[in-house]
Structure formats: structure tokens, C-alpha cells
Protein backbone atom coordinates (compact mmCIF):
# COMPACT_ATOMS: atom_id res chain seq x y z
CA UNK A 1 104.63 177.57 178.90
CA UNK A 2 101.85 177.59 180.74
CA UNK A 3 98.77 176.70 178.68
CA UNK A 4 96.15 173.76 178.48
CA UNK A 5 97.69 170.39 179.45
CA UNK A 6 94.89 169.07 176.81
CA UNK A 7 95.63 170.85 173.44
CA UNK A 8 93.45 169.84 170.59
CA UNK A 9 95.82 168.90 167.62
CA UNK A 10 93.97 170.02 164.28
CA UNK A 11 96.48 168.38 162.43
CA UNK A 12 95.07 165.11 163.60
CA UNK A 13 91.70 166.13 162.96
CA UNK A 14 92.88 167.36 159.22
CA UNK A 15 94.45 163.67 158.67
CA UNK A 16 91.38 162.19 160.03
CA UNK A 17 88.97 164.22 157.92
CA UNK A 18 91.33 163.66 154.63
CA UNK A 19 91.38 160.01 155.00
CA UNK A 20 87.66 160.03 155.38
CA UNK A 21 87.03 162.02 152.03
CA UNK A 22 89.42 159.66 150.51
CA UNK A 23 87.52 156.80 151.62
CA UNK A 24 84.53 158.19 150.71
CA UNK A 25 86.00 159.33 147.12
CA UNK A 26 87.26 155.79 146.29
CA UNK A 27 83.93 154.32 147.48
CA UNK A 28 82.32 156.93 145.20
CA UNK A 29 84.73 156.79 142.15
CA UNK A 30 86.98 154.02 142.32
CA UNK A 31 85.34 151.12 144.55
CA UNK A 32 81.92 150.96 142.35
CA UNK A 33 83.83 150.74 138.94
CA UNK A 34 86.59 147.98 140.75
CA UNK A 35 83.78 145.92 141.70
CA UNK A 36 82.03 146.00 138.68
CA UNK A 37 85.38 144.78 136.89
CA UNK A 38 86.01 142.20 139.44
CA UNK A 39 82.27 141.15 138.89
CA UNK A 40 82.30 140.83 135.23
CA UNK A 41 85.58 139.03 135.56
CA UNK A 42 84.00 136.69 138.25
CA UNK A 43 81.20 136.21 135.63
CA UNK A 44 83.45 135.64 132.71
CA UNK A 45 85.39 132.85 134.64
CA UNK A 46 82.13 131.16 135.72
CA UNK A 47 80.82 131.26 132.01
CA UNK A 48 83.96 130.26 130.85
CA UNK A 49 84.03 127.31 133.18
CA UNK A 50 80.83 126.22 132.42
CA UNK A 51 81.31 126.67 128.69
CA UNK A 52 84.62 124.17 129.73
CA UNK A 53 82.17 121.93 131.33
CA UNK A 54 79.92 121.63 128.59
CA UNK A 55 82.33 121.25 126.08
CA UNK A 56 83.52 118.18 128.45
CA UNK A 57 80.58 116.66 128.25
CA UNK A 58 79.81 117.04 124.81
CA UNK A 59 83.35 115.38 124.46
CA UNK A 60 82.41 112.43 126.26
CA UNK A 61 79.21 112.06 124.18
CA UNK A 62 81.17 112.16 121.01
CA UNK A 63 83.63 109.64 122.67
CA UNK A 64 80.57 107.16 123.70
CA UNK A 65 79.26 107.36 120.27
CA UNK A 66 82.40 107.13 118.65
CA UNK A 67 83.37 103.92 120.65
CA UNK A 68 79.80 102.41 119.75
CA UNK A 69 80.16 103.15 116.26
CA UNK A 70 83.85 101.77 116.37
CA UNK A 71 82.23 98.30 117.98
CA UNK A 72 79.71 98.39 115.56
CA UNK A 73 81.84 98.58 112.72
CA UNK A 74 84.10 95.95 113.97
CA UNK A 75 80.92 93.70 114.72
CA UNK A 76 79.96 94.47 110.92
CA UNK A 77 83.41 93.31 109.81
CA UNK A 78 83.39 89.90 111.45
CA UNK A 79 80.11 89.28 110.09
CA UNK A 80 81.29 90.09 106.38
CA UNK A 81 84.74 88.13 107.14
CA UNK A 82 82.22 85.30 108.03
CA UNK A 83 79.86 85.37 105.36
CA UNK A 84 82.73 85.83 102.75
CA UNK A 85 84.44 83.08 104.55
CA UNK A 86 81.20 80.54 104.25
CA UNK A 87 80.65 81.47 100.62
CA UNK A 88 84.01 80.75 99.37
CA UNK A 89 84.02 77.46 101.52
CA UNK A 90 80.57 76.79 99.62
CA UNK A 91 82.10 77.46 96.29
CA UNK A 92 85.20 75.67 96.96
CA UNK A 93 82.89 72.58 97.58
CA UNK A 94 80.92 73.30 94.73
CA UNK A 95 84.05 73.32 92.56
CA UNK A 96 85.08 70.41 94.07
CA UNK A 97 82.02 68.68 93.29
CA UNK A 98 81.89 69.71 89.66
CA UNK A 99 85.50 68.76 89.06
CA UNK A 100 84.71 65.27 90.26
CA UNK A 101 81.57 65.29 87.96
CA UNK A 102 83.83 66.28 85.16
CA UNK A 103 86.40 63.56 86.02
CA UNK A 104 83.68 61.14 85.88
CA UNK A 105 82.31 61.78 82.61
CA UNK A 106 85.99 61.99 81.21
CA UNK A 107 86.63 58.50 82.68
CA UNK A 108 83.18 56.94 81.34
CA UNK A 109 83.98 58.61 78.01
CA UNK A 110 86.98 56.76 77.81
CA UNK A 111 85.74 53.78 78.99
CA UNK A 112 83.32 53.67 76.19
CA UNK A 113 85.81 54.63 73.85
CA UNK A 114 87.97 51.77 74.61
CA UNK A 115 85.18 49.61 74.26
CA UNK A 116 84.37 50.86 71.06
CA UNK A 117 87.64 50.31 69.99
CA UNK A 118 87.99 46.69 71.25
CA UNK A 119 85.01 46.13 70.01
CA UNK A 120 86.08 47.46 66.17
CA UNK A 121 89.61 45.84 66.62
CA UNK A 122 87.53 42.32 67.43
CA UNK A 123 85.59 43.01 64.25
CA UNK A 124 88.49 43.81 62.21
CA UNK A 125 90.48 40.21 63.73
CA UNK A 126 86.77 38.39 62.75
CA UNK A 127 86.82 39.82 59.21
CA UNK A 128 90.29 38.96 58.48
CA UNK A 129 90.20 35.34 59.88
CA UNK A 130 87.03 35.28 57.66
CA UNK A 131 88.94 36.35 54.40
CA UNK A 132 91.69 34.13 55.42
CA UNK A 133 89.70 31.25 55.64
CA UNK A 134 87.93 31.80 52.34
CA UNK A 135 91.63 32.06 51.00
CA UNK A 136 92.57 28.73 52.51
CA UNK A 137 89.70 26.98 51.30
CA UNK A 138 89.91 28.33 47.70
CA UNK A 139 93.67 27.44 47.88
CA UNK A 140 92.33 23.49 49.25
CA UNK A 141 90.35 23.50 46.52
CA UNK A 142 92.18 24.55 43.66
CA UNK A 143 95.12 22.37 44.60
CA UNK A 144 93.08 19.19 45.63
CA UNK A 145 95.80 18.68 48.24
CA UNK A 146 96.60 15.52 50.17
CA UNK A 147 96.38 15.48 53.43
CA UNK A 148 100.18 16.29 54.09
CA UNK A 149 99.43 19.55 51.74
CA UNK A 150 96.56 20.63 54.04
CA UNK A 151 98.54 20.44 57.08
CA UNK A 152 101.26 22.44 55.58
CA UNK A 153 98.57 25.18 54.20
CA UNK A 154 97.03 25.41 57.83
CA UNK A 155 100.09 26.08 59.12
CA UNK A 156 101.12 28.64 57.08
CA UNK A 157 97.28 30.03 57.59
CA UNK A 158 98.25 30.13 61.30
CA UNK A 159 101.69 31.88 60.63
CA UNK A 160 99.66 34.72 58.65
CA UNK A 161 97.19 35.34 61.17
CA UNK A 162 99.82 35.39 63.97
CA UNK A 163 101.91 38.06 61.54
CA UNK A 164 98.64 40.22 61.28
CA UNK A 165 98.01 40.41 64.96
């Protein structure tokens, strides 16, 4: 048992060399491709986030345009309704005025017809009175009546005129 108190352990050196060899091998063969995959993944995620942001911005723009179009459509609809209401009110006023005019025409026509019928009736009564007067005069002349007979004849004439009306 005599030996050197500081002994060199080759196992430890072999382990360190193996470890360094493993690190170098991983760096050369695995770390590069792993980093490349990680970088590609990071780039892909950034691309997806950028695309999502662009799509969000586009969606907001479309939303604003849609809201503006809806506002314009509402405004146009209100204008159309207002115009239609105004036109219908004007047409109603025209129809009312036309109906008043028509009623006045009918009223005037009826008054003219009534006046004509009244004038015709008066003319007929006058003609009948004239005819009856002639008849009475003929009777008076034929009969050469006395005063009392003439009074009876006049009463008879008045009675005939009353029956004719």
C-alpha cells in the first residue's frame, strides 16, 4: 500500500473526454438542426401573429365600412319614407280638392236643373191658366149669364185650377 498519495484517476479523464465529445457531437449534429427547427418555428409563429394582426386590421376596416354603409342605408331609407309621405300628403290634398270641385259642379248642376224644372212648371201652370181663362170666357159668352151665373162659373174655375195643382 505504499504508493503515491496523489493518484491520477483515468476514469475521470475518460468521463470528461466522453462528455466533451458528447457536447461537441451534439453541437455539431443535433444543436444546429434543433436551433434551425426552433428558428423556423419562431419565424412561423411571428408570421402567423403578423397575419392575424393584418386580418384583425382588415376586419376592423370592413366593420367600419359596413357601419358606414348601414348608416347611409338608414339615412336613404328615411329620405325615401319622408319623400313618399310628402307625395302621399300632396296627392291626398289634390284628391280632396278634386272631390270638392266635383261636389260643387254637381251642386251647381242640380241647382240649374231645379231652376229649369221650376221655370217649366211655372210655364205649364201659366199655360193651363191661360187655357182655363179662355174656356171660362167661352162659357161666359155662350151662356150670356147673369151676374150670379158668372160668380158660379168663376168659383168653378178656381176649383178646377186648385185640382190641377
